[in-house]
Amino acid sequence: MKSIVTLVPDLMFSTRIEDAAKQLGYSIAALGAREDFDAAIAREQPALVIVALDAANWEDAVAAAKRAGARVLAFGSHKNVEAMQAARAAGCNDVAARSRMAAELPNLLRKYVDG
């Protein structure tokens, strides 16, 4: 089973991602901001890591995912242009506004997990 790892502090949005992933047949694991990202990603071996740009230590999670060869989908407020640019610079495969994540969630998951 293909897996997804998330670093999303917003419980409501995290649940939304989890529900969509499970409906598509993916396993999903949530990370905490103080977790050892390298160890967690090595344990889970995700195809995709999703990070919220308002999460503490999101940059460390992106770096760990890239070291492990996982794809990274970052999302945040469309108003936080600086964080979105930083995520692109950090090597995220896609950086989406939160509204796009909400509207296109199943398609984005399929694209980055299966694609």
PDB file of N, CA and C in Angstrom:
ATOM      1  N   MET A   1       0.846  -1.183   0.000  1.00  0.00           N
ATOM      2  CA  MET A   1       0.000   0.000   0.000  1.00  0.00           C
ATOM      3  C   MET A   1       0.889   1.243   0.000  1.00  0.00           C
ATOM      4  N   LYS A   2       0.573   2.184  -0.857  1.00  0.00           N
ATOM      5  CA  LYS A   2       1.333   3.420  -0.937  1.00  0.00           C
ATOM      6  C   LYS A   2       0.987   4.299   0.257  1.00  0.00           C
ATOM      7  N   SER A   3       2.004   5.015   0.747  1.00  0.00           N
ATOM      8  CA  SER A   3       1.763   5.794   1.958  1.00  0.00           C
ATOM      9  C   SER A   3       2.061   7.275   1.772  1.00  0.00           C
ATOM     10  N   ILE A   4       1.399   8.039   2.646  1.00  0.00           N
ATOM     11  CA  ILE A   4       1.535   9.493   2.703  1.00  0.00           C
ATOM     12  C   ILE A   4       1.866   9.857   4.141  1.00  0.00           C
ATOM     13  N   VAL A   5       2.752  10.808   4.310  1.00  0.00           N
ATOM     14  CA  VAL A   5       3.084  11.342   5.627  1.00  0.00           C
ATOM     15  C   VAL A   5       2.708  12.818   5.611  1.00  0.00           C
ATOM     16  N   THR A   6       2.108  13.287   6.702  1.00  0.00           N
ATOM     17  CA  THR A   6       1.696  14.687   6.763  1.00  0.00           C
ATOM     18  C   THR A   6       2.306  15.400   7.970  1.00  0.00           C
ATOM     19  N   LEU A   7       2.528  16.677   7.789  1.00  0.00           N
ATOM     20  CA  LEU A   7       2.882  17.589   8.883  1.00  0.00           C
ATOM     21  C   LEU A   7       1.899  18.746   8.750  1.00  0.00           C
ATOM     22  N   VAL A   8       0.745  18.581   9.376  1.00  0.00           N
ATOM     23  CA  VAL A   8      -0.365  19.527   9.244  1.00  0.00           C
ATOM     24  C   VAL A   8      -0.952  19.777  10.631  1.00  0.00           C
ATOM     25  N   PRO A   9      -0.668  20.927  11.241  1.00  0.00           N
ATOM     26  CA  PRO A   9      -1.137  21.179  12.596  1.00  0.00           C
ATOM     27  C   PRO A   9      -2.646  21.425  12.728  1.00  0.00           C
ATOM     28  N   ASP A  10      -3.293  21.836  11.655  1.00  0.00           N
ATOM     29  CA  ASP A  10      -4.730  22.103  11.678  1.00  0.00           C
ATOM     30  C   ASP A  10      -5.476  20.764  11.682  1.00  0.00           C
ATOM     31  N   LEU A  11      -6.057  20.403  12.807  1.00  0.00           N
ATOM     32  CA  LEU A  11      -6.707  19.104  12.959  1.00  0.00           C
ATOM     33  C   LEU A  11      -7.832  18.893  11.954  1.00  0.00           C
ATOM     34  N   MET A  12      -8.617  19.924  11.680  1.00  0.00           N
ATOM     35  CA  MET A  12      -9.721  19.787  10.725  1.00  0.00           C
ATOM     36  C   MET A  12      -9.196  19.491   9.316  1.00  0.00           C
ATOM     37  N   PHE A  13      -8.173  20.211   8.896  1.00  0.00           N
ATOM     38  CA  PHE A  13      -7.644  19.994   7.546  1.00  0.00           C
ATOM     39  C   PHE A  13      -6.874  18.680   7.492  1.00  0.00           C
ATOM     40  N   SER A  14      -6.197  18.338   8.567  1.00  0.00           N
ATOM     41  CA  SER A  14      -5.477  17.074   8.634  1.00  0.00           C
ATOM     42  C   SER A  14      -6.441  15.895   8.471  1.00  0.00           C
ATOM     43  N   THR A  15      -7.592  15.987   9.121  1.00  0.00           N
ATOM     44  CA  THR A  15      -8.609  14.942   9.010  1.00  0.00           C
ATOM     45  C   THR A  15      -9.142  14.860   7.586  1.00  0.00           C
ATOM     46  N   ARG A  16      -9.297  15.986   6.964  1.00  0.00           N
ATOM     47  CA  ARG A  16      -9.773  16.017   5.575  1.00  0.00           C
ATOM     48  C   ARG A  16      -8.788  15.303   4.647  1.00  0.00           C
ATOM     49  N   ILE A  17      -7.508  15.549   4.836  1.00  0.00           N
ATOM     50  CA  ILE A  17      -6.478  14.881   4.039  1.00  0.00           C
ATOM     51  C   ILE A  17      -6.491  13.383   4.319  1.00  0.00           C
ATOM     52  N   GLU A  18      -6.570  13.026   5.597  1.00  0.00           N
ATOM     53  CA  GLU A  18      -6.592  11.615   5.983  1.00  0.00           C
ATOM     54  C   GLU A  18      -7.777  10.890   5.356  1.00  0.00           C
ATOM     55  N   ASP A  19      -8.946  11.483   5.406  1.00  0.00           N
ATOM     56  CA  ASP A  19     -10.139  10.863   4.823  1.00  0.00           C
ATOM     57  C   ASP A  19      -9.987  10.662   3.318  1.00  0.00           C
ATOM     58  N   ALA A  20      -9.479  11.674   2.626  1.00  0.00           N
ATOM     59  CA  ALA A  20      -9.291  11.569   1.175  1.00  0.00           C
ATOM     60  C   ALA A  20      -8.275  10.476   0.842  1.00  0.00           C
ATOM     61  N   ALA A  21      -7.187  10.422   1.603  1.00  0.00           N
ATOM     62  CA  ALA A  21      -6.159   9.406   1.364  1.00  0.00           C
ATOM     63  C   ALA A  21      -6.713   8.002   1.563  1.00  0.00           C
ATOM     64  N   LYS A  22      -7.439   7.801   2.633  1.00  0.00           N
ATOM     65  CA  LYS A  22      -8.008   6.477   2.904  1.00  0.00           C
ATOM     66  C   LYS A  22      -9.008   6.069   1.833  1.00  0.00           C
ATOM     67  N   GLN A  23      -9.817   7.011   1.347  1.00  0.00           N
ATOM     68  CA  GLN A  23     -10.777   6.705   0.283  1.00  0.00           C
ATOM     69  C   GLN A  23     -10.070   6.277  -1.000  1.00  0.00           C
ATOM     70  N   LEU A  24      -8.866   6.774  -1.211  1.00  0.00           N
ATOM     71  CA  LEU A  24      -8.091   6.416  -2.399  1.00  0.00           C
ATOM     72  C   LEU A  24      -7.233   5.167  -2.172  1.00  0.00           C
ATOM     73  N   GLY A  25      -7.276   4.600  -0.964  1.00  0.00           N
ATOM     74  CA  GLY A  25      -6.546   3.377  -0.674  1.00  0.00           C
ATOM     75  C   GLY A  25      -5.109   3.563  -0.227  1.00  0.00           C
ATOM     76  N   TYR A  26      -4.752   4.753   0.215  1.00  0.00           N
ATOM     77  CA  TYR A  26      -3.402   5.018   0.695  1.00  0.00           C
ATOM     78  C   TYR A  26      -3.373   4.931   2.219  1.00  0.00           C
ATOM     79  N   SER A  27      -2.249   4.504   2.752  1.00  0.00           N
ATOM     80  CA  SER A  27      -2.070   4.599   4.200  1.00  0.00           C
ATOM     81  C   SER A  27      -1.539   5.996   4.494  1.00  0.00           C
ATOM     82  N   ILE A  28      -1.787   6.451   5.704  1.00  0.00           N
ATOM     83  CA  ILE A  28      -1.386   7.822   6.043  1.00  0.00           C
ATOM     84  C   ILE A  28      -0.906   7.873   7.481  1.00  0.00           C
ATOM     85  N   ALA A  29       0.139   8.669   7.706  1.00  0.00           N
ATOM     86  CA  ALA A  29       0.691   8.851   9.052  1.00  0.00           C
ATOM     87  C   ALA A  29       0.932  10.338   9.263  1.00  0.00           C
ATOM     88  N   ALA A  30       0.570  10.819  10.433  1.00  0.00           N
ATOM     89  CA  ALA A  30       0.770  12.228  10.783  1.00  0.00           C
ATOM     90  C   ALA A  30       2.036  12.378  11.618  1.00  0.00           C
ATOM     91  N   LEU A  31       2.806  13.407  11.310  1.00  0.00           N
ATOM     92  CA  LEU A  31       4.010  13.723  12.075  1.00  0.00           C
ATOM     93  C   LEU A  31       3.730  14.867  13.027  1.00  0.00           C
ATOM     94  N   GLY A  32       4.446  14.881  14.127  1.00  0.00           N
ATOM     95  CA  GLY A  32       4.421  16.010  15.039  1.00  0.00           C
ATOM     96  C   GLY A  32       5.599  16.915  14.736  1.00  0.00           C
ATOM     97  N   ALA A  33       5.500  18.174  15.109  1.00  0.00           N
ATOM     98  CA  ALA A  33       6.534  19.152  14.793  1.00  0.00           C
ATOM     99  C   ALA A  33       7.874  18.854  15.463  1.00  0.00           C
ATOM    100  N   ARG A  34       7.862  18.075  16.535  1.00  0.00           N
ATOM    101  CA  ARG A  34       9.109  17.772  17.244  1.00  0.00           C
ATOM    102  C   ARG A  34       9.650  16.385  16.911  1.00  0.00           C
ATOM    103  N   GLU A  35       9.032  15.733  15.954  1.00  0.00           N
ATOM    104  CA  GLU A  35       9.420  14.379  15.585  1.00  0.00           C
ATOM    105  C   GLU A  35      10.749  14.376  14.828  1.00  0.00           C
ATOM    106  N   ASP A  36      11.443  13.258  14.888  1.00  0.00           N
ATOM    107  CA  ASP A  36      12.652  13.059  14.091  1.00  0.00           C
ATOM    108  C   ASP A  36      12.177  12.719  12.676  1.00  0.00           C
ATOM    109  N   PHE A  37      12.184  13.708  11.790  1.00  0.00           N
ATOM    110  CA  PHE A  37      11.608  13.530  10.466  1.00  0.00           C
ATOM    111  C   PHE A  37      12.328  12.458   9.660  1.00  0.00           C
ATOM    112  N   ASP A  38      13.657  12.428   9.747  1.00  0.00           N
ATOM    113  CA  ASP A  38      14.395  11.407   9.000  1.00  0.00           C
ATOM    114  C   ASP A  38      13.980  10.005   9.435  1.00  0.00           C
ATOM    115  N   ALA A  39      13.875   9.777  10.731  1.00  0.00           N
ATOM    116  CA  ALA A  39      13.489   8.458  11.241  1.00  0.00           C
ATOM    117  C   ALA A  39      12.052   8.107  10.852  1.00  0.00           C
ATOM    118  N   ALA A  40      11.156   9.068  10.974  1.00  0.00           N
ATOM    119  CA  ALA A  40       9.754   8.812  10.648  1.00  0.00           C
ATOM    120  C   ALA A  40       9.574   8.519   9.165  1.00  0.00           C
ATOM    121  N   ILE A  41      10.254   9.260   8.323  1.00  0.00           N
ATOM    122  CA  ILE A  41      10.128   9.050   6.889  1.00  0.00           C
ATOM    123  C   ILE A  41      10.790   7.731   6.483  1.00  0.00           C
ATOM    124  N   ALA A  42      11.893   7.388   7.113  1.00  0.00           N
ATOM    125  CA  ALA A  42      12.521   6.088   6.838  1.00  0.00           C
ATOM    126  C   ALA A  42      11.595   4.950   7.263  1.00  0.00           C
ATOM    127  N   ARG A  43      10.911   5.122   8.367  1.00  0.00           N
ATOM    128  CA  ARG A  43       9.984   4.090   8.873  1.00  0.00           C
ATOM    129  C   ARG A  43       8.773   3.938   7.955  1.00  0.00           C
ATOM    130  N   GLU A  44       8.198   5.048   7.532  1.00  0.00           N
ATOM    131  CA  GLU A  44       6.960   5.022   6.739  1.00  0.00           C
ATOM    132  C   GLU A  44       7.197   4.813   5.243  1.00  0.00           C
ATOM    133  N   GLN A  45       8.364   5.219   4.746  1.00  0.00           N
ATOM    134  CA  GLN A  45       8.701   5.147   3.320  1.00  0.00           C
ATOM    135  C   GLN A  45       7.569   5.692   2.437  1.00  0.00           C
ATOM    136  N   PRO A  46       7.204   6.951   2.648  1.00  0.00           N
ATOM    137  CA  PRO A  46       6.073   7.509   1.904  1.00  0.00           C
ATOM    138  C   PRO A  46       6.416   7.833   0.450  1.00  0.00           C
ATOM    139  N   ALA A  47       5.391   7.766  -0.369  1.00  0.00           N
ATOM    140  CA  ALA A  47       5.515   8.245  -1.741  1.00  0.00           C
ATOM    141  C   ALA A  47       5.374   9.764  -1.749  1.00  0.00           C
ATOM    142  N   LEU A  48       4.638  10.280  -0.757  1.00  0.00           N
ATOM    143  CA  LEU A  48       4.342  11.708  -0.686  1.00  0.00           C
ATOM    144  C   LEU A  48       4.394  12.202   0.749  1.00  0.00           C
ATOM    145  N   VAL A  49       4.965  13.378   0.920  1.00  0.00           N
ATOM    146  CA  VAL A  49       4.953  14.070   2.201  1.00  0.00           C
ATOM    147  C   VAL A  49       4.210  15.387   1.979  1.00  0.00           C
ATOM    148  N   ILE A  50       3.203  15.636   2.805  1.00  0.00           N
ATOM    149  CA  ILE A  50       2.424  16.866   2.715  1.00  0.00           C
ATOM    150  C   ILE A  50       2.766  17.732   3.915  1.00  0.00           C
ATOM    151  N   VAL A  51       3.140  18.976   3.657  1.00  0.00           N
ATOM    152  CA  VAL A  51       3.479  19.886   4.750  1.00  0.00           C
ATOM    153  C   VAL A  51       2.666  21.167   4.643  1.00  0.00           C
ATOM    154  N   ALA A  52       2.185  21.602   5.788  1.00  0.00           N
ATOM    155  CA  ALA A  52       1.517  22.902   5.884  1.00  0.00           C
ATOM    156  C   ALA A  52       2.597  23.929   6.181  1.00  0.00           C
ATOM    157  N   LEU A  53       2.564  25.029   5.475  1.00  0.00           N
ATOM    158  CA  LEU A  53       3.594  26.047   5.638  1.00  0.00           C
ATOM    159  C   LEU A  53       3.465  26.839   6.930  1.00  0.00           C
ATOM    160  N   ASP A  54       2.400  26.572   7.703  1.00  0.00           N
ATOM    161  CA  ASP A  54       2.287  27.193   9.021  1.00  0.00           C
ATOM    162  C   ASP A  54       2.721  26.234  10.130  1.00  0.00           C
ATOM    163  N   ALA A  55       3.200  25.050   9.747  1.00  0.00           N
ATOM    164  CA  ALA A  55       3.677  24.070  10.734  1.00  0.00           C
ATOM    165  C   ALA A  55       5.083  24.447  11.194  1.00  0.00           C
ATOM    166  N   ALA A  56       5.333  24.245  12.468  1.00  0.00           N
ATOM    167  CA  ALA A  56       6.680  24.453  12.983  1.00  0.00           C
ATOM    168  C   ALA A  56       7.606  23.433  12.320  1.00  0.00           C
ATOM    169  N   ASN A  57       8.780  23.856  11.951  1.00  0.00           N
ATOM    170  CA  ASN A  57       9.814  22.978  11.389  1.00  0.00           C
ATOM    171  C   ASN A  57       9.459  22.358  10.042  1.00  0.00           C
ATOM    172  N   TRP A  58       8.574  23.005   9.267  1.00  0.00           N
ATOM    173  CA  TRP A  58       8.218  22.418   7.983  1.00  0.00           C
ATOM    174  C   TRP A  58       9.440  22.271   7.081  1.00  0.00           C
ATOM    175  N   GLU A  59      10.392  23.193   7.197  1.00  0.00           N
ATOM    176  CA  GLU A  59      11.588  23.129   6.359  1.00  0.00           C
ATOM    177  C   GLU A  59      12.375  21.848   6.623  1.00  0.00           C
ATOM    178  N   ASP A  60      12.448  21.418   7.890  1.00  0.00           N
ATOM    179  CA  ASP A  60      13.160  20.191   8.234  1.00  0.00           C
ATOM    180  C   ASP A  60      12.451  18.967   7.664  1.00  0.00           C
ATOM    181  N   ALA A  61      11.122  18.978   7.677  1.00  0.00           N
ATOM    182  CA  ALA A  61      10.352  17.870   7.118  1.00  0.00           C
ATOM    183  C   ALA A  61      10.567  17.781   5.610  1.00  0.00           C
ATOM    184  N   VAL A  62      10.593  18.920   4.932  1.00  0.00           N
ATOM    185  CA  VAL A  62      10.836  18.933   3.486  1.00  0.00           C
ATOM    186  C   VAL A  62      12.230  18.390   3.190  1.00  0.00           C
ATOM    187  N   ALA A  63      13.210  18.838   3.929  1.00  0.00           N
ATOM    188  CA  ALA A  63      14.586  18.371   3.704  1.00  0.00           C
ATOM    189  C   ALA A  63      14.698  16.862   3.913  1.00  0.00           C
ATOM    190  N   ALA A  64      14.068  16.349   4.956  1.00  0.00           N
ATOM    191  CA  ALA A  64      14.107  14.899   5.215  1.00  0.00           C
ATOM    192  C   ALA A  64      13.419  14.129   4.100  1.00  0.00           C
ATOM    193  N   ALA A  65      12.298  14.645   3.621  1.00  0.00           N
ATOM    194  CA  ALA A  65      11.573  13.986   2.532  1.00  0.00           C
ATOM    195  C   ALA A  65      12.422  13.959   1.264  1.00  0.00           C
ATOM    196  N   LYS A  66      13.058  15.071   0.948  1.00  0.00           N
ATOM    197  CA  LYS A  66      13.887  15.134  -0.252  1.00  0.00           C
ATOM    198  C   LYS A  66      15.075  14.181  -0.137  1.00  0.00           C
ATOM    199  N   ARG A  67      15.687  14.088   1.058  1.00  0.00           N
ATOM    200  CA  ARG A  67      16.800  13.149   1.252  1.00  0.00           C
ATOM    201  C   ARG A  67      16.353  11.718   1.016  1.00  0.00           C
ATOM    202  N   ALA A  68      15.106  11.412   1.372  1.00  0.00           N
ATOM    203  CA  ALA A  68      14.573  10.054   1.228  1.00  0.00           C
ATOM    204  C   ALA A  68      14.008   9.784  -0.167  1.00  0.00           C
ATOM    205  N   GLY A  69      13.955  10.813  -1.006  1.00  0.00           N
ATOM    206  CA  GLY A  69      13.452  10.632  -2.358  1.00  0.00           C
ATOM    207  C   GLY A  69      11.934  10.696  -2.479  1.00  0.00           C
ATOM    208  N   ALA A  70      11.263  11.196  -1.444  1.00  0.00           N
ATOM    209  CA  ALA A  70       9.805  11.321  -1.483  1.00  0.00           C
ATOM    210  C   ALA A  70       9.414  12.625  -2.163  1.00  0.00           C
ATOM    211  N   ARG A  71       8.270  12.620  -2.768  1.00  0.00           N
ATOM    212  CA  ARG A  71       7.714  13.857  -3.319  1.00  0.00           C
ATOM    213  C   ARG A  71       7.146  14.685  -2.176  1.00  0.00           C
ATOM    214  N   VAL A  72       7.120  16.005  -2.372  1.00  0.00           N
ATOM    215  CA  VAL A  72       6.625  16.900  -1.326  1.00  0.00           C
ATOM    216  C   VAL A  72       5.589  17.850  -1.915  1.00  0.00           C
ATOM    217  N   LEU A  73       4.452  17.904  -1.247  1.00  0.00           N
ATOM    218  CA  LEU A  73       3.378  18.841  -1.582  1.00  0.00           C
ATOM    219  C   LEU A  73       3.218  19.765  -0.386  1.00  0.00           C
ATOM    220  N   ALA A  74       3.481  21.040  -0.585  1.00  0.00           N
ATOM    221  CA  ALA A  74       3.345  22.028   0.481  1.00  0.00           C
ATOM    222  C   ALA A  74       2.124  22.889   0.191  1.00  0.00           C
ATOM    223  N   PHE A  75       1.504  23.382   1.240  1.00  0.00           N
ATOM    224  CA  PHE A  75       0.365  24.276   1.054  1.00  0.00           C
ATOM    225  C   PHE A  75       0.325  25.307   2.157  1.00  0.00           C
ATOM    226  N   GLY A  76      -0.298  26.432   1.848  1.00  0.00           N
ATOM    227  CA  GLY A  76      -0.421  27.496   2.835  1.00  0.00           C
ATOM    228  C   GLY A  76      -1.327  28.592   2.313  1.00  0.00           C
ATOM    229  N   SER A  77      -1.408  29.634   3.068  1.00  0.00           N
ATOM    230  CA  SER A  77      -2.229  30.779   2.705  1.00  0.00           C
ATOM    231  C   SER A  77      -1.677  31.439   1.444  1.00  0.00           C
ATOM    232  N   HIS A  78      -2.557  31.770   0.527  1.00  0.00           N
ATOM    233  CA  HIS A  78      -2.123  32.457  -0.692  1.00  0.00           C
ATOM    234  C   HIS A  78      -1.529  33.832  -0.376  1.00  0.00           C
ATOM    235  N   LYS A  79      -1.819  34.343   0.805  1.00  0.00           N
ATOM    236  CA  LYS A  79      -1.285  35.645   1.214  1.00  0.00           C
ATOM    237  C   LYS A  79       0.156  35.552   1.703  1.00  0.00           C
ATOM    238  N   ASN A  80       0.590  34.353   2.062  1.00  0.00           N
ATOM    239  CA  ASN A  80       1.938  34.177   2.583  1.00  0.00           C
ATOM    240  C   ASN A  80       2.892  33.839   1.436  1.00  0.00           C
ATOM    241  N   VAL A  81       3.099  34.797   0.586  1.00  0.00           N
ATOM    242  CA  VAL A  81       3.916  34.618  -0.616  1.00  0.00           C
ATOM    243  C   VAL A  81       5.339  34.213  -0.258  1.00  0.00           C
ATOM    244  N   GLU A  82       5.869  34.800   0.798  1.00  0.00           N
ATOM    245  CA  GLU A  82       7.238  34.500   1.218  1.00  0.00           C
ATOM    246  C   GLU A  82       7.417  33.021   1.553  1.00  0.00           C
ATOM    247  N   ALA A  83       6.479  32.445   2.312  1.00  0.00           N
ATOM    248  CA  ALA A  83       6.569  31.020   2.668  1.00  0.00           C
ATOM    249  C   ALA A  83       6.412  30.143   1.435  1.00  0.00           C
ATOM    250  N   MET A  84       5.541  30.525   0.527  1.00  0.00           N
ATOM    251  CA  MET A  84       5.345  29.734  -0.686  1.00  0.00           C
ATOM    252  C   MET A  84       6.606  29.760  -1.556  1.00  0.00           C
ATOM    253  N   GLN A  85       7.258  30.904  -1.632  1.00  0.00           N
ATOM    254  CA  GLN A  85       8.516  30.991  -2.379  1.00  0.00           C
ATOM    255  C   GLN A  85       9.604  30.165  -1.695  1.00  0.00           C
ATOM    256  N   ALA A  86       9.639  30.193  -0.368  1.00  0.00           N
ATOM    257  CA  ALA A  86      10.626  29.408   0.379  1.00  0.00           C
ATOM    258  C   ALA A  86      10.406  27.912   0.157  1.00  0.00           C
ATOM    259  N   ALA A  87       9.156  27.499   0.082  1.00  0.00           N
ATOM    260  CA  ALA A  87       8.853  26.079  -0.155  1.00  0.00           C
ATOM    261  C   ALA A  87       9.316  25.652  -1.542  1.00  0.00           C
ATOM    262  N   ARG A  88       9.099  26.495  -2.530  1.00  0.00           N
ATOM    263  CA  ARG A  88       9.588  26.186  -3.880  1.00  0.00           C
ATOM    264  C   ARG A  88      11.117  26.082  -3.876  1.00  0.00           C
ATOM    265  N   ALA A  89      11.757  27.024  -3.194  1.00  0.00           N
ATOM    266  CA  ALA A  89      13.218  27.032  -3.116  1.00  0.00           C
ATOM    267  C   ALA A  89      13.749  25.808  -2.374  1.00  0.00           C
ATOM    268  N   ALA A  90      12.957  25.284  -1.439  1.00  0.00           N
ATOM    269  CA  ALA A  90      13.370  24.116  -0.664  1.00  0.00           C
ATOM    270  C   ALA A  90      13.230  22.821  -1.461  1.00  0.00           C
ATOM    271  N   GLY A  91      12.612  22.905  -2.651  1.00  0.00           N
ATOM    272  CA  GLY A  91      12.529  21.730  -3.502  1.00  0.00           C
ATOM    273  C   GLY A  91      11.208  21.003  -3.494  1.00  0.00           C
ATOM    274  N   CYS A  92      10.154  21.640  -2.978  1.00  0.00           N
ATOM    275  CA  CYS A  92       8.836  20.993  -2.996  1.00  0.00           C
ATOM    276  C   CYS A  92       8.407  20.753  -4.436  1.00  0.00           C
ATOM    277  N   ASN A  93       7.770  19.618  -4.682  1.00  0.00           N
ATOM    278  CA  ASN A  93       7.295  19.296  -6.022  1.00  0.00           C
ATOM    279  C   ASN A  93       6.135  20.187  -6.440  1.00  0.00           C
ATOM    280  N   ASP A  94       5.353  20.612  -5.462  1.00  0.00           N
ATOM    281  CA  ASP A  94       4.234  21.515  -5.740  1.00  0.00           C
ATOM    282  C   ASP A  94       3.984  22.333  -4.486  1.00  0.00           C
ATOM    283  N   VAL A  95       3.587  23.579  -4.697  1.00  0.00           N
ATOM    284  CA  VAL A  95       3.221  24.468  -3.594  1.00  0.00           C
ATOM    285  C   VAL A  95       1.856  25.026  -3.957  1.00  0.00           C
ATOM    286  N   ALA A  96       0.871  24.734  -3.129  1.00  0.00           N
ATOM    287  CA  ALA A  96      -0.509  25.097  -3.433  1.00  0.00           C
ATOM    288  C   ALA A  96      -1.073  26.028  -2.375  1.00  0.00           C
ATOM    289  N   ALA A  97      -1.960  26.879  -2.822  1.00  0.00           N
ATOM    290  CA  ALA A  97      -2.742  27.660  -1.868  1.00  0.00           C
ATOM    291  C   ALA A  97      -3.686  26.697  -1.159  1.00  0.00           C
ATOM    292  N   ARG A  98      -4.026  27.019   0.062  1.00  0.00           N
ATOM    293  CA  ARG A  98      -4.919  26.159   0.851  1.00  0.00           C
ATOM    294  C   ARG A  98      -6.247  25.914   0.114  1.00  0.00           C
ATOM    295  N   SER A  99      -6.756  26.927  -0.565  1.00  0.00           N
ATOM    296  CA  SER A  99      -8.010  26.776  -1.298  1.00  0.00           C
ATOM    297  C   SER A  99      -7.872  25.764  -2.430  1.00  0.00           C
ATOM    298  N   ARG A 100      -6.738  25.752  -3.104  1.00  0.00           N
ATOM    299  CA  ARG A 100      -6.507  24.756  -4.163  1.00  0.00           C
ATOM    300  C   ARG A 100      -6.402  23.358  -3.572  1.00  0.00           C
ATOM    301  N   MET A 101      -5.722  23.250  -2.435  1.00  0.00           N
ATOM    302  CA  MET A 101      -5.624  21.946  -1.765  1.00  0.00           C
ATOM    303  C   MET A 101      -7.019  21.414  -1.466  1.00  0.00           C
ATOM    304  N   ALA A 102      -7.863  22.264  -0.924  1.00  0.00           N
ATOM    305  CA  ALA A 102      -9.215  21.840  -0.563  1.00  0.00           C
ATOM    306  C   ALA A 102     -10.004  21.432  -1.800  1.00  0.00           C
ATOM    307  N   ALA A 103      -9.896  22.205  -2.862  1.00  0.00           N
ATOM    308  CA  ALA A 103     -10.694  21.960  -4.065  1.00  0.00           C
ATOM    309  C   ALA A 103     -10.208  20.754  -4.864  1.00  0.00           C
ATOM    310  N   GLU A 104      -8.899  20.511  -4.866  1.00  0.00           N
ATOM    311  CA  GLU A 104      -8.320  19.496  -5.737  1.00  0.00           C
ATOM    312  C   GLU A 104      -7.670  18.340  -4.983  1.00  0.00           C
ATOM    313  N   LEU A 105      -7.990  18.171  -3.718  1.00  0.00           N
ATOM    314  CA  LEU A 105      -7.272  17.217  -2.867  1.00  0.00           C
ATOM    315  C   LEU A 105      -7.154  15.814  -3.463  1.00  0.00           C
ATOM    316  N   PRO A 106      -8.234  15.137  -3.836  1.00  0.00           N
ATOM    317  CA  PRO A 106      -8.063  13.779  -4.377  1.00  0.00           C
ATOM    318  C   PRO A 106      -7.169  13.737  -5.618  1.00  0.00           C
ATOM    319  N   ASN A 107      -7.330  14.709  -6.509  1.00  0.00           N
ATOM    320  CA  ASN A 107      -6.504  14.741  -7.717  1.00  0.00           C
ATOM    321  C   ASN A 107      -5.033  14.977  -7.398  1.00  0.00           C
ATOM    322  N   LEU A 108      -4.759  15.869  -6.451  1.00  0.00           N
ATOM    323  CA  LEU A 108      -3.376  16.122  -6.057  1.00  0.00           C
ATOM    324  C   LEU A 108      -2.748  14.881  -5.424  1.00  0.00           C
ATOM    325  N   LEU A 109      -3.504  14.189  -4.582  1.00  0.00           N
ATOM    326  CA  LEU A 109      -2.971  12.972  -3.962  1.00  0.00           C
ATOM    327  C   LEU A 109      -2.634  11.941  -5.028  1.00  0.00           C
ATOM    328  N   ARG A 110      -3.561  11.695  -5.942  1.00  0.00           N
ATOM    329  CA  ARG A 110      -3.294  10.719  -7.013  1.00  0.00           C
ATOM    330  C   ARG A 110      -2.085  11.126  -7.847  1.00  0.00           C
ATOM    331  N   LYS A 111      -2.014  12.405  -8.192  1.00  0.00           N
ATOM    332  CA  LYS A 111      -0.914  12.906  -9.026  1.00  0.00           C
ATOM    333  C   LYS A 111       0.446  12.643  -8.386  1.00  0.00           C
ATOM    334  N   TYR A 112       0.561  12.938  -7.089  1.00  0.00           N
ATOM    335  CA  TYR A 112       1.868  12.853  -6.457  1.00  0.00           C
ATOM    336  C   TYR A 112       2.166  11.506  -5.793  1.00  0.00           C
ATOM    337  N   VAL A 113       1.164  10.705  -5.554  1.00  0.00           N
ATOM    338  CA  VAL A 113       1.411   9.367  -5.009  1.00  0.00           C
ATOM    339  C   VAL A 113       1.610   8.371  -6.152  1.00  0.00           C
ATOM    340  N   ASP A 114       0.752   8.419  -7.140  1.00  0.00           N
ATOM    341  CA  ASP A 114       0.794   7.450  -8.225  1.00  0.00           C
ATOM    342  C   ASP A 114       1.644   7.915  -9.417  1.00  0.00           C
ATOM    343  N   GLY A 115       1.751   9.235  -9.545  1.00  0.00           N
ATOM    344  CA  GLY A 115       2.413   9.796 -10.732  1.00  0.00           C
ATOM    345  C   GLY A 115       3.879   9.714 -10.647  1.00  0.00           C
TER     346      GLY A 115
END
